[in-house]
Amino acid sequence: MLTILIIDDEQPARDRLRRLLGNVPKFEIAGEAASSSEALERIRELSPDILLLDISMPGMDGMSLARVLQQGGASPAIIFCTAYQDQALKAFEVEAVDYLVKPVREERLEKALDKARRMLGKEDVHEQDHYVRSTVGGKVVLTPIHRVICMISEDKYTTVIHEKGTTVIDESLMDLEEKFPALFFRIHRNALVSRKHLRGLARTREGQTQALLSGTDRQPEVSRRKVAALRKLLSDIS
C-alpha cells in the first residue's frame, strides 16, 4: 500500500483531502504537514511515497519545496493541490505527477494517484481483488469496486448498480461486506450502499426510509434499526 503525506497550511483543506482519500483504496495517509519546513521533517521521518502538496504557503512555498526535493535526488511523487490555475507549467518543470485545482474532485484525485502509482512502478499484483466479477455473454466482466453505488440481494443473486449501469454477480452480500468493509455500509439485510455515493435519506408516503445515492435513481430501503447509524454516517462525511 502506498503512503501519502498531505501538505497544506489550511486545516480545512487537509481535512477535505483526508475525507476524499478515505474513499480511495490502495493508499494510506502517513501524516500531515502545515508548512514546507515541517514537511521536510515529516518526509525524513516517514518516507512517504506520494505528496499532496499545496503551492501557496507561508515561508517556503510548495513549488520551492518541490525544487529542494528534486535537487536532493530521489523524492516522493508530487501531486500539486492548489487554488492557482496558472502554475501547471512550473509544476511539470519540477517533475510533478499531476496538478489539481481546488476544490479537488474525488474522481480527479483518483486518476492522479493511479498515475503516481504507475510512475512509482507499484502496480498492484492483486488488482483483481478490487473488482467485482460477472459473466456476460460468456465473457468475464470486471467492474471496479470504487465505481459500485449499491448492491441489492435478489433471489439467489446480487444485483450490482454501478456508475455505468448494472450487472449481476453470484457473490453474497455477506462476503462482499467482509471483503470491502471500508467501502460499503449495510442499510438492510438485502442491501449494501457505497459510503462515497451516500447523499441523504428520504421518507416515502408509506413511512419507509430510503437512501439517496449519487449516480442512480435507485433508492434502496433502509431498515428501521439502521436509520440512526446511517444518519450518523451522513453527518460524519458531510
Protein backbone atom coordinates (compact mmCIF):
# COMPACT_ATOMS: atom_id res chain seq x y z
CA MET A 1 0.00 0.00 0.00
CA LEU A 2 1.37 3.42 -0.97
CA THR A 3 1.66 6.12 1.70
CA ILE A 4 0.67 9.77 1.31
CA LEU A 5 1.77 12.94 3.11
CA ILE A 6 -0.71 15.83 2.94
CA ILE A 7 0.97 19.25 2.94
CA ASP A 8 -1.22 22.35 3.23
CA ASP A 9 -1.19 25.27 5.65
CA GLU A 10 -5.01 25.26 5.94
CA GLN A 11 -6.59 22.63 8.19
CA PRO A 12 -9.93 22.53 6.25
CA ALA A 13 -8.02 21.73 3.05
CA ARG A 14 -6.16 18.90 4.79
CA ASP A 15 -9.41 17.60 6.25
CA ARG A 16 -11.06 17.57 2.83
CA LEU A 17 -8.21 15.56 1.32
CA ARG A 18 -8.44 13.11 4.21
CA ARG A 19 -12.14 12.60 3.53
CA LEU A 20 -11.56 12.07 -0.18
CA LEU A 21 -8.72 9.62 0.45
CA GLY A 22 -10.98 7.62 2.75
CA ASN A 23 -12.86 6.51 -0.36
CA VAL A 24 -9.77 5.52 -2.36
CA PRO A 25 -8.37 2.01 -1.82
CA LYS A 26 -4.69 1.07 -2.05
CA PHE A 27 -3.41 4.28 -0.43
CA GLU A 28 -2.73 5.15 3.20
CA ILE A 29 -2.28 8.56 4.82
CA ALA A 30 1.12 8.63 6.52
CA GLY A 31 0.66 12.07 8.06
CA GLU A 32 0.20 15.80 7.54
CA ALA A 33 2.32 18.94 7.49
CA ALA A 34 1.23 22.59 7.69
CA SER A 35 4.40 24.09 6.18
CA SER A 36 7.30 23.20 3.94
CA SER A 37 9.76 23.11 6.84
CA GLU A 38 7.51 20.72 8.73
CA ALA A 39 7.05 18.72 5.53
CA LEU A 40 10.81 18.21 5.17
CA GLU A 41 10.94 16.79 8.69
CA ARG A 42 7.96 14.53 8.05
CA ILE A 43 9.42 13.31 4.76
CA ARG A 44 12.66 12.33 6.50
CA GLU A 45 10.71 10.68 9.29
CA LEU A 46 8.00 8.87 7.28
CA SER A 47 9.48 8.38 3.79
CA PRO A 48 6.07 8.78 2.10
CA ASP A 49 5.57 7.57 -1.46
CA ILE A 50 3.38 10.50 -2.55
CA LEU A 51 2.98 14.15 -1.55
CA LEU A 52 -0.30 16.04 -1.94
CA LEU A 53 1.27 19.48 -1.96
CA ASP A 54 -0.21 22.97 -1.80
CA ILE A 55 1.66 25.79 -3.53
CA SER A 56 0.71 28.88 -1.53
CA MET A 57 2.11 28.50 1.99
CA PRO A 58 3.92 30.89 4.37
CA GLY A 59 7.69 30.72 4.25
CA MET A 60 8.93 28.30 1.62
CA ASP A 61 6.07 27.68 -0.82
CA GLY A 62 5.18 24.32 -2.33
CA MET A 63 6.95 24.94 -5.62
CA SER A 64 10.19 25.78 -3.79
CA LEU A 65 9.83 22.66 -1.67
CA ALA A 66 9.44 20.57 -4.82
CA ARG A 67 12.66 22.08 -6.21
CA VAL A 68 14.54 21.29 -2.99
CA LEU A 69 13.36 17.69 -3.16
CA GLN A 70 14.20 17.48 -6.86
CA GLN A 71 17.74 18.71 -6.25
CA GLY A 72 18.15 16.20 -3.45
CA GLY A 73 17.73 13.26 -5.79
CA ALA A 74 15.13 10.54 -5.22
CA SER A 75 11.97 12.09 -3.80
CA PRO A 76 8.30 11.21 -3.37
CA ALA A 77 5.92 11.56 -6.28
CA ILE A 78 4.36 15.02 -6.11
CA ILE A 79 0.74 15.91 -6.87
CA PHE A 80 0.04 19.62 -6.51
CA CYS A 81 -3.34 20.54 -4.99
CA THR A 82 -3.69 24.28 -5.33
CA ALA A 83 -6.06 27.19 -5.90
CA TYR A 84 -3.73 28.54 -8.60
CA GLN A 85 -4.60 27.63 -12.19
CA ASP A 86 -1.60 29.25 -13.87
CA GLN A 87 1.39 27.34 -12.48
CA ALA A 88 0.92 23.98 -14.16
CA LEU A 89 3.94 24.53 -16.42
CA LYS A 90 6.19 25.23 -13.43
CA ALA A 91 4.77 22.15 -11.72
CA PHE A 92 5.82 19.87 -14.53
CA GLU A 93 9.24 21.53 -14.64
CA VAL A 94 9.79 20.08 -11.16
CA GLU A 95 8.56 16.71 -12.45
CA ALA A 96 5.22 16.75 -10.64
CA VAL A 97 2.99 13.79 -11.45
CA ASP A 98 -0.16 15.90 -11.70
CA TYR A 99 -1.65 19.32 -10.96
CA LEU A 100 -5.09 19.52 -9.32
CA VAL A 101 -7.02 22.76 -8.88
CA LYS A 102 -9.05 23.24 -5.70
CA PRO A 103 -11.67 22.26 -4.82
CA VAL A 104 -10.17 18.85 -5.64
CA ARG A 105 -12.71 16.36 -7.01
CA GLU A 106 -12.54 12.75 -5.90
CA GLU A 107 -12.51 11.30 -9.41
CA ARG A 108 -9.68 13.64 -10.44
CA LEU A 109 -7.70 12.77 -7.32
CA GLU A 110 -8.07 9.04 -8.01
CA LYS A 111 -6.69 9.47 -11.51
CA ALA A 112 -3.71 11.44 -10.22
CA LEU A 113 -2.95 8.81 -7.56
CA ASP A 114 -3.18 6.00 -10.11
CA LYS A 115 -0.77 7.93 -12.31
CA ALA A 116 1.62 8.27 -9.36
CA ARG A 117 1.32 4.57 -8.59
CA ARG A 118 2.25 3.68 -12.18
CA MET A 119 5.14 6.14 -12.17
CA LEU A 120 6.47 4.58 -8.96
CA GLY A 121 6.23 1.13 -10.53
CA LYS A 122 3.80 -0.06 -7.86
CA GLU A 123 1.15 -1.78 -9.96
CA ASP A 124 -0.98 -3.92 -7.66
CA VAL A 125 -0.36 -7.59 -8.31
CA HIS A 126 -3.71 -8.29 -6.66
CA GLU A 127 -5.54 -5.75 -8.81
CA GLN A 128 -8.49 -8.09 -9.45
CA ASP A 129 -9.22 -8.05 -5.72
CA HIS A 130 -10.57 -4.54 -6.29
CA TYR A 131 -13.20 -5.60 -8.81
CA VAL A 132 -16.48 -7.49 -8.78
CA ARG A 133 -16.67 -10.20 -11.40
CA SER A 134 -19.68 -11.05 -13.54
CA THR A 135 -20.21 -13.14 -16.65
CA VAL A 136 -21.97 -11.53 -19.61
CA GLY A 137 -22.42 -13.48 -22.84
CA GLY A 138 -19.81 -15.99 -21.78
CA LYS A 139 -17.24 -13.26 -21.06
CA VAL A 140 -15.91 -12.23 -17.66
CA VAL A 141 -16.60 -8.55 -16.92
CA LEU A 142 -14.71 -6.74 -14.15
CA THR A 143 -16.38 -3.73 -12.51
CA PRO A 144 -14.06 -1.53 -10.38
CA ILE A 145 -15.29 -1.74 -6.81
CA HIS A 146 -14.93 2.02 -6.25
CA ARG A 147 -17.45 2.60 -9.07
CA VAL A 148 -20.11 0.48 -7.36
CA ILE A 149 -23.01 2.55 -5.97
CA CYS A 150 -25.01 -0.14 -4.20
CA MET A 151 -25.60 -3.89 -4.18
CA ILE A 152 -29.00 -5.49 -3.74
CA SER A 153 -29.61 -9.14 -2.90
CA GLU A 154 -32.35 -10.51 -5.16
CA ASP A 155 -33.27 -14.21 -5.08
CA LYS A 156 -30.03 -16.22 -5.40
CA TYR A 157 -28.04 -13.40 -6.99
CA THR A 158 -26.72 -9.93 -6.17
CA THR A 159 -27.53 -7.01 -8.44
CA VAL A 160 -24.66 -4.52 -8.62
CA ILE A 161 -25.63 -0.96 -9.52
CA HIS A 162 -22.56 0.97 -10.63
CA GLU A 163 -21.72 4.25 -12.36
CA LYS A 164 -22.00 2.71 -15.84
CA GLY A 165 -25.14 0.60 -15.33
CA THR A 166 -25.96 -2.69 -13.63
CA THR A 167 -24.64 -6.22 -13.56
CA VAL A 168 -25.43 -9.44 -11.72
CA ILE A 169 -22.97 -11.48 -9.66
CA ASP A 170 -23.26 -14.63 -7.58
CA GLU A 171 -21.34 -13.39 -4.52
CA SER A 172 -23.37 -12.91 -1.36
CA LEU A 173 -23.75 -9.56 0.39
CA MET A 174 -22.12 -11.06 3.48
CA ASP A 175 -18.99 -11.99 1.51
CA LEU A 176 -18.86 -8.57 -0.14
CA GLU A 177 -19.34 -6.76 3.16
CA GLU A 178 -16.47 -8.73 4.71
CA LYS A 179 -14.24 -8.13 1.67
CA PHE A 180 -14.82 -4.35 1.46
CA PRO A 181 -15.78 -3.15 4.97
CA ALA A 182 -14.39 0.37 4.47
CA LEU A 183 -16.27 1.00 1.24
CA PHE A 184 -19.82 -0.17 1.96
CA PHE A 185 -22.47 0.21 4.64
CA ARG A 186 -25.26 -2.28 5.21
CA ILE A 187 -28.60 -0.45 5.34
CA HIS A 188 -30.83 -3.53 5.15
CA ARG A 189 -30.46 -7.29 5.23
CA ASN A 190 -30.67 -7.19 1.41
CA ALA A 191 -28.70 -4.01 0.61
CA LEU A 192 -25.19 -2.55 0.83
CA VAL A 193 -24.54 1.04 -0.24
CA SER A 194 -21.30 2.77 -1.14
CA ARG A 195 -20.22 5.21 1.55
CA LYS A 196 -18.85 7.67 -1.01
CA HIS A 197 -22.13 7.69 -3.02
CA LEU A 198 -24.37 8.34 0.00
CA ARG A 199 -26.12 11.71 -0.26
CA GLY A 200 -29.06 11.60 2.17
CA LEU A 201 -32.28 10.00 3.31
CA ALA A 202 -35.87 10.27 2.10
CA ARG A 203 -39.24 9.21 3.52
CA THR A 204 -41.95 7.59 1.42
CA ARG A 205 -45.67 8.21 1.88
CA GLU A 206 -45.85 4.80 3.49
CA GLY A 207 -43.30 5.88 6.12
CA GLN A 208 -40.35 3.89 4.80
CA THR A 209 -36.85 5.38 4.84
CA GLN A 210 -34.81 5.21 1.66
CA ALA A 211 -31.17 6.01 0.90
CA LEU A 212 -30.41 8.74 -1.63
CA LEU A 213 -27.37 7.87 -3.75
CA SER A 214 -25.43 9.79 -6.35
CA GLY A 215 -25.22 8.23 -9.81
CA THR A 216 -28.53 6.32 -9.71
CA ASP A 217 -32.26 6.84 -9.27
CA ARG A 218 -32.43 3.64 -7.23
CA GLN A 219 -33.35 4.38 -3.60
CA PRO A 220 -32.88 1.19 -1.56
CA GLU A 221 -34.89 0.81 1.63
CA VAL A 222 -33.21 1.40 4.99
CA SER A 223 -34.28 -0.87 7.83
CA ARG A 224 -35.55 0.88 10.96
CA ARG A 225 -32.68 -0.35 13.10
CA LYS A 226 -30.13 1.10 10.64
CA VAL A 227 -31.61 4.60 10.33
CA ALA A 228 -29.79 6.13 13.32
CA ALA A 229 -26.41 4.69 12.30
CA LEU A 230 -26.91 5.89 8.75
CA ARG A 231 -27.77 9.41 9.92
CA LYS A 232 -24.56 9.48 11.95
CA LEU A 233 -22.55 8.28 8.96
CA LEU A 234 -24.03 11.02 6.79
CA SER A 235 -23.19 13.58 9.47
CA ASP A 236 -19.59 12.35 9.65
CA ILE A 237 -19.00 12.53 5.90
CA SER A 238 -20.80 15.83 5.25
